[in-house]
Each structure stands twice: as structure tokens, then as C-alpha cells.
């Protein structure tokens, strides 16, 4: 990732640099912001969308498994008993 000091971060330079890679802009020696190209931003947004969908799918799967277990009479207590009985 490229890093620019505040003196180097003129807007045109910032835009040009961010087309190549994310650019960190410093203020008082600390990271103040990171500028991304639209393509990089879109890539990150797509990754986040995929993560959200995967989490929701996992939640639905777990809920379905819990429901099926409950329908078959597998309670938390019974599950604990089964797991404890590993002889």
C-alpha cells in the first residue's frame, strides 16, 4: 500500500496514486484515511456481500438442524448425555 505525507497528498496525485493501489494519507504521523479505487472498493464490497450471504446461509442451516433434532426428540440434555457417554 502506498503512503503519502500530507504535503504530498494533493488531490490529483491522490487520485492517480489510488488508481494503482490503496493510498494511506497521514496526519500528524498517523493514518488519517485510506483512498481506494472504485474497482478495489467494489471488490471489497463484493467480499462483504459474500460473507453476509454465507453467514445467513449458515444460520438457516443451523436453525434447520436444530428444528429437525427437536422434532426427533433430541433435547439439549439428551445431546449432552450422548456426548458425555463416549465409552
PDB file of N, CA and C in Angstrom:
ATOM      1  N   UNK A   1       0.852  -1.170   0.000  1.00  0.00           N
ATOM      2  CA  UNK A   1       0.000   0.000   0.000  1.00  0.00           C
ATOM      3  C   UNK A   1       0.892   1.224   0.000  1.00  0.00           C
ATOM      4  N   UNK A   2       0.587   2.162  -0.840  1.00  0.00           N
ATOM      5  CA  UNK A   2       1.360   3.400  -0.912  1.00  0.00           C
ATOM      6  C   UNK A   2       0.968   4.321   0.237  1.00  0.00           C
ATOM      7  N   UNK A   3       1.926   5.089   0.742  1.00  0.00           N
ATOM      8  CA  UNK A   3       1.684   6.045   1.812  1.00  0.00           C
ATOM      9  C   UNK A   3       2.193   7.408   1.374  1.00  0.00           C
ATOM     10  N   UNK A   4       1.346   8.432   1.565  1.00  0.00           N
ATOM     11  CA  UNK A   4       1.724   9.809   1.242  1.00  0.00           C
ATOM     12  C   UNK A   4       1.665  10.654   2.502  1.00  0.00           C
ATOM     13  N   UNK A   5       2.590  11.594   2.607  1.00  0.00           N
ATOM     14  CA  UNK A   5       2.517  12.556   3.706  1.00  0.00           C
ATOM     15  C   UNK A   5       1.503  13.623   3.328  1.00  0.00           C
ATOM     16  N   UNK A   6       1.018  14.408   4.286  1.00  0.00           N
ATOM     17  CA  UNK A   6       0.038  15.439   3.952  1.00  0.00           C
ATOM     18  C   UNK A   6       0.519  16.399   2.874  1.00  0.00           C
ATOM     19  N   UNK A   7       1.810  16.704   2.853  1.00  0.00           N
ATOM     20  CA  UNK A   7       2.331  17.631   1.856  1.00  0.00           C
ATOM     21  C   UNK A   7       2.295  17.021   0.459  1.00  0.00           C
ATOM     22  N   UNK A   8       2.383  15.706   0.377  1.00  0.00           N
ATOM     23  CA  UNK A   8       2.393  15.033  -0.917  1.00  0.00           C
ATOM     24  C   UNK A   8       0.997  14.702  -1.417  1.00  0.00           C
ATOM     25  N   UNK A   9      -0.004  14.871  -0.595  1.00  0.00           N
ATOM     26  CA  UNK A   9      -1.324  14.353  -0.927  1.00  0.00           C
ATOM     27  C   UNK A   9      -2.220  15.350  -1.655  1.00  0.00           C
ATOM     28  N   UNK A  10      -1.690  16.040  -2.598  1.00  0.00           N
ATOM     29  CA  UNK A  10      -2.528  16.881  -3.442  1.00  0.00           C
ATOM     30  C   UNK A  10      -3.566  15.998  -4.112  1.00  0.00           C
ATOM     31  N   UNK A  11      -4.710  16.547  -4.347  1.00  0.00           N
ATOM     32  CA  UNK A  11      -5.843  15.757  -4.804  1.00  0.00           C
ATOM     33  C   UNK A  11      -5.551  14.987  -6.099  1.00  0.00           C
ATOM     34  N   UNK A  12      -4.978  15.611  -7.093  1.00  0.00           N
ATOM     35  CA  UNK A  12      -4.694  14.931  -8.355  1.00  0.00           C
ATOM     36  C   UNK A  12      -3.720  13.772  -8.153  1.00  0.00           C
ATOM     37  N   UNK A  13      -2.691  13.998  -7.336  1.00  0.00           N
ATOM     38  CA  UNK A  13      -1.736  12.926  -7.024  1.00  0.00           C
ATOM     39  C   UNK A  13      -2.441  11.785  -6.300  1.00  0.00           C
ATOM     40  N   UNK A  14      -3.306  12.161  -5.410  1.00  0.00           N
ATOM     41  CA  UNK A  14      -4.048  11.167  -4.641  1.00  0.00           C
ATOM     42  C   UNK A  14      -4.903  10.301  -5.561  1.00  0.00           C
ATOM     43  N   UNK A  15      -5.606  10.927  -6.468  1.00  0.00           N
ATOM     44  CA  UNK A  15      -6.439  10.190  -7.419  1.00  0.00           C
ATOM     45  C   UNK A  15      -5.577   9.271  -8.277  1.00  0.00           C
ATOM     46  N   UNK A  16      -4.517   9.798  -8.841  1.00  0.00           N
ATOM     47  CA  UNK A  16      -3.643   8.988  -9.697  1.00  0.00           C
ATOM     48  C   UNK A  16      -3.047   7.808  -8.936  1.00  0.00           C
ATOM     49  N   UNK A  17      -2.569   8.060  -7.753  1.00  0.00           N
ATOM     50  CA  UNK A  17      -1.944   7.003  -6.958  1.00  0.00           C
ATOM     51  C   UNK A  17      -2.955   5.931  -6.566  1.00  0.00           C
ATOM     52  N   UNK A  18      -4.168   6.344  -6.239  1.00  0.00           N
ATOM     53  CA  UNK A  18      -5.179   5.385  -5.779  1.00  0.00           C
ATOM     54  C   UNK A  18      -5.677   4.484  -6.907  1.00  0.00           C
ATOM     55  N   UNK A  19      -5.451   4.875  -8.142  1.00  0.00           N
ATOM     56  CA  UNK A  19      -5.814   4.014  -9.272  1.00  0.00           C
ATOM     57  C   UNK A  19      -4.913   2.786  -9.338  1.00  0.00           C
ATOM     58  N   UNK A  20      -3.715   2.919  -8.811  1.00  0.00           N
ATOM     59  CA  UNK A  20      -2.736   1.834  -8.839  1.00  0.00           C
ATOM     60  C   UNK A  20      -2.853   0.916  -7.629  1.00  0.00           C
ATOM     61  N   UNK A  21      -3.082   1.504  -6.462  1.00  0.00           N
ATOM     62  CA  UNK A  21      -3.137   0.752  -5.210  1.00  0.00           C
ATOM     63  C   UNK A  21      -3.767   1.638  -4.146  1.00  0.00           C
ATOM     64  N   UNK A  22      -4.250   1.052  -3.044  1.00  0.00           N
ATOM     65  CA  UNK A  22      -4.777   1.871  -1.952  1.00  0.00           C
ATOM     66  C   UNK A  22      -3.696   2.835  -1.446  1.00  0.00           C
ATOM     67  N   UNK A  23      -4.117   4.044  -1.103  1.00  0.00           N
ATOM     68  CA  UNK A  23      -3.182   5.072  -0.639  1.00  0.00           C
ATOM     69  C   UNK A  23      -3.568   5.491   0.773  1.00  0.00           C
ATOM     70  N   UNK A  24      -2.600   5.459   1.665  1.00  0.00           N
ATOM     71  CA  UNK A  24      -2.796   5.922   3.030  1.00  0.00           C
ATOM     72  C   UNK A  24      -2.322   7.366   3.121  1.00  0.00           C
ATOM     73  N   UNK A  25      -3.166   8.220   3.700  1.00  0.00           N
ATOM     74  CA  UNK A  25      -2.803   9.627   3.913  1.00  0.00           C
ATOM     75  C   UNK A  25      -2.590   9.813   5.408  1.00  0.00           C
ATOM     76  N   UNK A  26      -1.449  10.397   5.737  1.00  0.00           N
ATOM     77  CA  UNK A  26      -1.085  10.607   7.135  1.00  0.00           C
ATOM     78  C   UNK A  26      -1.434  12.018   7.592  1.00  0.00           C
ATOM     79  N   UNK A  27      -1.796  12.131   8.856  1.00  0.00           N
ATOM     80  CA  UNK A  27      -1.993  13.429   9.508  1.00  0.00           C
ATOM     81  C   UNK A  27      -1.315  13.326  10.860  1.00  0.00           C
ATOM     82  N   UNK A  28      -0.399  14.207  11.113  1.00  0.00           N
ATOM     83  CA  UNK A  28       0.380  14.178  12.352  1.00  0.00           C
ATOM     84  C   UNK A  28       1.063  12.822  12.555  1.00  0.00           C
ATOM     85  N   UNK A  29       1.513  12.232  11.449  1.00  0.00           N
ATOM     86  CA  UNK A  29       2.217  10.961  11.523  1.00  0.00           C
ATOM     87  C   UNK A  29       1.329   9.744  11.715  1.00  0.00           C
ATOM     88  N   UNK A  30       0.035   9.940  11.794  1.00  0.00           N
ATOM     89  CA  UNK A  30      -0.921   8.847  11.995  1.00  0.00           C
ATOM     90  C   UNK A  30      -1.772   8.666  10.743  1.00  0.00           C
ATOM     91  N   UNK A  31      -2.216   7.423  10.515  1.00  0.00           N
ATOM     92  CA  UNK A  31      -3.108   7.187   9.376  1.00  0.00           C
ATOM     93  C   UNK A  31      -4.406   7.951   9.570  1.00  0.00           C
ATOM     94  N   UNK A  32      -4.733   8.805   8.625  1.00  0.00           N
ATOM     95  CA  UNK A  32      -5.956   9.597   8.705  1.00  0.00           C
ATOM     96  C   UNK A  32      -7.039   9.029   7.796  1.00  0.00           C
ATOM     97  N   UNK A  33      -6.631   8.510   6.642  1.00  0.00           N
ATOM     98  CA  UNK A  33      -7.585   7.918   5.725  1.00  0.00           C
ATOM     99  C   UNK A  33      -6.872   7.043   4.719  1.00  0.00           C
ATOM    100  N   UNK A  34      -7.661   6.163   4.097  1.00  0.00           N
ATOM    101  CA  UNK A  34      -7.157   5.315   3.032  1.00  0.00           C
ATOM    102  C   UNK A  34      -8.062   5.542   1.838  1.00  0.00           C
ATOM    103  N   UNK A  35      -7.453   5.838   0.697  1.00  0.00           N
ATOM    104  CA  UNK A  35      -8.202   6.105  -0.529  1.00  0.00           C
ATOM    105  C   UNK A  35      -8.077   4.884  -1.437  1.00  0.00           C
ATOM    106  N   UNK A  36      -9.224   4.387  -1.909  1.00  0.00           N
ATOM    107  CA  UNK A  36      -9.274   3.212  -2.765  1.00  0.00           C
ATOM    108  C   UNK A  36      -9.829   3.573  -4.130  1.00  0.00           C
ATOM    109  N   UNK A  37      -9.412   2.830  -5.135  1.00  0.00           N
ATOM    110  CA  UNK A  37     -10.018   2.986  -6.454  1.00  0.00           C
ATOM    111  C   UNK A  37     -11.436   2.420  -6.387  1.00  0.00           C
ATOM    112  N   UNK A  38     -12.310   2.836  -7.288  1.00  0.00           N
ATOM    113  CA  UNK A  38     -13.655   2.256  -7.306  1.00  0.00           C
ATOM    114  C   UNK A  38     -13.620   0.735  -7.487  1.00  0.00           C
ATOM    115  N   UNK A  39     -12.700   0.239  -8.301  1.00  0.00           N
ATOM    116  CA  UNK A  39     -12.612  -1.206  -8.526  1.00  0.00           C
ATOM    117  C   UNK A  39     -12.252  -1.936  -7.226  1.00  0.00           C
ATOM    118  N   UNK A  40     -11.314  -1.399  -6.467  1.00  0.00           N
ATOM    119  CA  UNK A  40     -10.921  -2.023  -5.199  1.00  0.00           C
ATOM    120  C   UNK A  40     -12.065  -1.946  -4.197  1.00  0.00           C
ATOM    121  N   UNK A  41     -12.736  -0.809  -4.157  1.00  0.00           N
ATOM    122  CA  UNK A  41     -13.883  -0.666  -3.259  1.00  0.00           C
ATOM    123  C   UNK A  41     -14.962  -1.688  -3.615  1.00  0.00           C
ATOM    124  N   UNK A  42     -15.261  -1.819  -4.904  1.00  0.00           N
ATOM    125  CA  UNK A  42     -16.267  -2.782  -5.362  1.00  0.00           C
ATOM    126  C   UNK A  42     -15.862  -4.210  -5.000  1.00  0.00           C
ATOM    127  N   UNK A  43     -14.576  -4.530  -5.118  1.00  0.00           N
ATOM    128  CA  UNK A  43     -14.086  -5.856  -4.766  1.00  0.00           C
ATOM    129  C   UNK A  43     -14.315  -6.133  -3.285  1.00  0.00           C
ATOM    130  N   UNK A  44     -14.001  -5.154  -2.449  1.00  0.00           N
ATOM    131  CA  UNK A  44     -14.211  -5.309  -1.009  1.00  0.00           C
ATOM    132  C   UNK A  44     -15.698  -5.432  -0.664  1.00  0.00           C
ATOM    133  N   UNK A  45     -16.518  -4.645  -1.321  1.00  0.00           N
ATOM    134  CA  UNK A  45     -17.963  -4.721  -1.110  1.00  0.00           C
ATOM    135  C   UNK A  45     -18.501  -6.099  -1.505  1.00  0.00           C
ATOM    136  N   UNK A  46     -18.005  -6.643  -2.615  1.00  0.00           N
ATOM    137  CA  UNK A  46     -18.434  -7.963  -3.067  1.00  0.00           C
ATOM    138  C   UNK A  46     -18.025  -9.028  -2.055  1.00  0.00           C
ATOM    139  N   UNK A  47     -16.819  -8.937  -1.527  1.00  0.00           N
ATOM    140  CA  UNK A  47     -16.383  -9.881  -0.497  1.00  0.00           C
ATOM    141  C   UNK A  47     -17.285  -9.802   0.729  1.00  0.00           C
ATOM    142  N   UNK A  48     -17.644  -8.601   1.124  1.00  0.00           N
ATOM    143  CA  UNK A  48     -18.518  -8.421   2.278  1.00  0.00           C
ATOM    144  C   UNK A  48     -19.904  -9.000   2.007  1.00  0.00           C
ATOM    145  N   UNK A  49     -20.425  -8.805   0.790  1.00  0.00           N
ATOM    146  CA  UNK A  49     -21.724  -9.369   0.420  1.00  0.00           C
ATOM    147  C   UNK A  49     -21.680 -10.893   0.493  1.00  0.00           C
ATOM    148  N   UNK A  50     -20.606 -11.496  -0.018  1.00  0.00           N
ATOM    149  CA  UNK A  50     -20.451 -12.950   0.015  1.00  0.00           C
ATOM    150  C   UNK A  50     -20.402 -13.442   1.461  1.00  0.00           C
ATOM    151  N   UNK A  51     -19.675 -12.732   2.325  1.00  0.00           N
ATOM    152  CA  UNK A  51     -19.607 -13.105   3.745  1.00  0.00           C
ATOM    153  C   UNK A  51     -20.979 -13.044   4.406  1.00  0.00           C
ATOM    154  N   UNK A  52     -21.716 -11.959   4.130  1.00  0.00           N
ATOM    155  CA  UNK A  52     -23.053 -11.814   4.729  1.00  0.00           C
ATOM    156  C   UNK A  52     -23.963 -12.953   4.282  1.00  0.00           C
ATOM    157  N   UNK A  53     -23.933 -13.277   2.985  1.00  0.00           N
ATOM    158  CA  UNK A  53     -24.771 -14.358   2.469  1.00  0.00           C
ATOM    159  C   UNK A  53     -24.368 -15.702   3.069  1.00  0.00           C
ATOM    160  N   UNK A  54     -23.074 -15.933   3.225  1.00  0.00           N
ATOM    161  CA  UNK A  54     -22.602 -17.192   3.815  1.00  0.00           C
ATOM    162  C   UNK A  54     -23.048 -17.302   5.273  1.00  0.00           C
ATOM    163  N   UNK A  55     -22.951 -16.200   6.017  1.00  0.00           N
ATOM    164  CA  UNK A  55     -23.393 -16.210   7.414  1.00  0.00           C
ATOM    165  C   UNK A  55     -24.882 -16.519   7.514  1.00  0.00           C
ATOM    166  N   UNK A  56     -25.658 -15.883   6.656  1.00  0.00           N
ATOM    167  CA  UNK A  56     -27.109 -16.104   6.683  1.00  0.00           C
ATOM    168  C   UNK A  56     -27.441 -17.545   6.301  1.00  0.00           C
ATOM    169  N   UNK A  57     -26.751 -18.080   5.332  1.00  0.00           N
ATOM    170  CA  UNK A  57     -26.967 -19.471   4.930  1.00  0.00           C
ATOM    171  C   UNK A  57     -26.612 -20.413   6.084  1.00  0.00           C
ATOM    172  N   UNK A  58     -25.522 -20.136   6.768  1.00  0.00           N
ATOM    173  CA  UNK A  58     -25.120 -20.954   7.914  1.00  0.00           C
ATOM    174  C   UNK A  58     -26.162 -20.865   9.027  1.00  0.00           C
ATOM    175  N   UNK A  59     -26.660 -19.661   9.298  1.00  0.00           N
ATOM    176  CA  UNK A  59     -27.701 -19.504  10.329  1.00  0.00           C
ATOM    177  C   UNK A  59     -28.943 -20.327   9.987  1.00  0.00           C
ATOM    178  N   UNK A  60     -29.357 -20.277   8.702  1.00  0.00           N
ATOM    179  CA  UNK A  60     -30.531 -21.050   8.281  1.00  0.00           C
ATOM    180  C   UNK A  60     -30.284 -22.550   8.421  1.00  0.00           C
ATOM    181  N   UNK A  61     -29.085 -23.001   8.063  1.00  0.00           N
ATOM    182  CA  UNK A  61     -28.744 -24.418   8.166  1.00  0.00           C
ATOM    183  C   UNK A  61     -28.769 -24.874   9.618  1.00  0.00           C
ATOM    184  N   UNK A  62     -28.176 -24.082  10.502  1.00  0.00           N
ATOM    185  CA  UNK A  62     -28.171 -24.422  11.928  1.00  0.00           C
ATOM    186  C   UNK A  62     -29.592 -24.476  12.475  1.00  0.00           C
ATOM    187  N   UNK A  63     -30.407 -23.499  12.106  1.00  0.00           N
ATOM    188  CA  UNK A  63     -31.796 -23.477  12.576  1.00  0.00           C
ATOM    189  C   UNK A  63     -32.551 -24.706  12.075  1.00  0.00           C
ATOM    190  N   UNK A  64     -32.316 -25.090  10.849  1.00  0.00           N
ATOM    191  CA  UNK A  64     -32.973 -26.272  10.288  1.00  0.00           C
ATOM    192  C   UNK A  64     -32.550 -27.536  11.026  1.00  0.00           C
ATOM    193  N   UNK A  65     -31.268 -27.664  11.304  1.00  0.00           N
ATOM    194  CA  UNK A  65     -30.756 -28.827  12.033  1.00  0.00           C
ATOM    195  C   UNK A  65     -31.348 -28.863  13.444  1.00  0.00           C
ATOM    196  N   UNK A  66     -31.401 -27.715  14.098  1.00  0.00           N
ATOM    197  CA  UNK A  66     -31.975 -27.650  15.448  1.00  0.00           C
ATOM    198  C   UNK A  66     -33.447 -28.053  15.432  1.00  0.00           C
ATOM    199  N   UNK A  67     -34.177 -27.585  14.419  1.00  0.00           N
ATOM    200  CA  UNK A  67     -35.595 -27.918  14.317  1.00  0.00           C
ATOM    201  C   UNK A  67     -35.786 -29.415  14.093  1.00  0.00           C
ATOM    202  N   UNK A  68     -35.005 -29.993  13.197  1.00  0.00           N
ATOM    203  CA  UNK A  68     -35.115 -31.434  12.933  1.00  0.00           C
ATOM    204  C   UNK A  68     -34.759 -32.250  14.164  1.00  0.00           C
ATOM    205  N   UNK A  69     -33.740 -31.814  14.884  1.00  0.00           N
ATOM    206  CA  UNK A  69     -33.347 -32.516  16.111  1.00  0.00           C
ATOM    207  C   UNK A  69     -34.468 -32.446  17.140  1.00  0.00           C
ATOM    208  N   UNK A  70     -35.062 -31.283  17.283  1.00  0.00           N
ATOM    209  CA  UNK A  70     -36.159 -31.122  18.244  1.00  0.00           C
ATOM    210  C   UNK A  70     -37.357 -31.982  17.848  1.00  0.00           C
ATOM    211  N   UNK A  71     -37.656 -32.058  16.556  1.00  0.00           N
ATOM    212  CA  UNK A  71     -38.770 -32.887  16.080  1.00  0.00           C
ATOM    213  C   UNK A  71     -38.535 -34.362  16.386  1.00  0.00           C
ATOM    214  N   UNK A  72     -37.277 -34.754  16.444  1.00  0.00           N
ATOM    215  CA  UNK A  72     -36.930 -36.148  16.731  1.00  0.00           C
ATOM    216  C   UNK A  72     -36.682 -36.386  18.224  1.00  0.00           C
ATOM    217  N   UNK A  73     -36.923 -35.360  19.023  1.00  0.00           N
ATOM    218  CA  UNK A  73     -36.812 -35.502  20.463  1.00  0.00           C
ATOM    219  C   UNK A  73     -35.413 -35.316  21.023  1.00  0.00           C
ATOM    220  N   UNK A  74     -34.517 -34.810  20.242  1.00  0.00           N
ATOM    221  CA  UNK A  74     -33.155 -34.591  20.733  1.00  0.00           C
ATOM    222  C   UNK A  74     -33.101 -33.243  21.446  1.00  0.00           C
ATOM    223  N   UNK A  75     -33.139 -33.295  22.753  1.00  0.00           N
ATOM    224  CA  UNK A  75     -33.084 -32.077  23.563  1.00  0.00           C
ATOM    225  C   UNK A  75     -31.625 -31.752  23.878  1.00  0.00           C
ATOM    226  N   UNK A  76     -31.380 -30.584  24.423  1.00  0.00           N
ATOM    227  CA  UNK A  76     -30.034 -30.202  24.848  1.00  0.00           C
ATOM    228  C   UNK A  76     -29.503 -31.190  25.882  1.00  0.00           C
ATOM    229  N   UNK A  77     -30.370 -31.567  26.816  1.00  0.00           N
ATOM    230  CA  UNK A  77     -29.950 -32.506  27.870  1.00  0.00           C
ATOM    231  C   UNK A  77     -29.575 -33.858  27.256  1.00  0.00           C
ATOM    232  N   UNK A  78     -30.378 -34.337  26.313  1.00  0.00           N
ATOM    233  CA  UNK A  78     -30.091 -35.621  25.671  1.00  0.00           C
ATOM    234  C   UNK A  78     -28.802 -35.538  24.857  1.00  0.00           C
ATOM    235  N   UNK A  79     -28.595 -34.443  24.186  1.00  0.00           N
ATOM    236  CA  UNK A  79     -27.362 -34.259  23.420  1.00  0.00           C
ATOM    237  C   UNK A  79     -26.150 -34.280  24.343  1.00  0.00           C
ATOM    238  N   UNK A  80     -26.236 -33.589  25.450  1.00  0.00           N
ATOM    239  CA  UNK A  80     -25.132 -33.582  26.416  1.00  0.00           C
ATOM    240  C   UNK A  80     -24.863 -34.989  26.947  1.00  0.00           C
ATOM    241  N   UNK A  81     -25.945 -35.745  27.236  1.00  0.00           N
ATOM    242  CA  UNK A  81     -25.796 -37.110  27.719  1.00  0.00           C
ATOM    243  C   UNK A  81     -25.096 -37.976  26.675  1.00  0.00           C
ATOM    244  N   UNK A  82     -25.502 -37.835  25.417  1.00  0.00           N
ATOM    245  CA  UNK A  82     -24.908 -38.630  24.340  1.00  0.00           C
ATOM    246  C   UNK A  82     -23.432 -38.291  24.146  1.00  0.00           C
ATOM    247  N   UNK A  83     -23.139 -37.016  24.209  1.00  0.00           N
ATOM    248  CA  UNK A  83     -21.764 -36.601  24.017  1.00  0.00           C
ATOM    249  C   UNK A  83     -20.865 -37.010  25.193  1.00  0.00           C
ATOM    250  N   UNK A  84     -21.440 -37.048  26.385  1.00  0.00           N
ATOM    251  CA  UNK A  84     -20.677 -37.427  27.574  1.00  0.00           C
ATOM    252  C   UNK A  84     -20.422 -38.931  27.618  1.00  0.00           C
ATOM    253  N   UNK A  85     -21.276 -39.691  26.979  1.00  0.00           N
ATOM    254  CA  UNK A  85     -21.172 -41.159  27.012  1.00  0.00           C
ATOM    255  C   UNK A  85     -20.326 -41.633  25.834  1.00  0.00           C
ATOM    256  N   UNK A  86     -19.015 -41.495  25.971  1.00  0.00           N
ATOM    257  CA  UNK A  86     -18.103 -41.900  24.894  1.00  0.00           C
ATOM    258  C   UNK A  86     -17.330 -43.162  25.276  1.00  0.00           C
ATOM    259  N   UNK A  87     -17.956 -44.044  26.040  1.00  0.00           N
ATOM    260  CA  UNK A  87     -17.265 -45.270  26.471  1.00  0.00           C
ATOM    261  C   UNK A  87     -17.298 -46.352  25.424  1.00  0.00           C
TER     262      UNK A  87
END
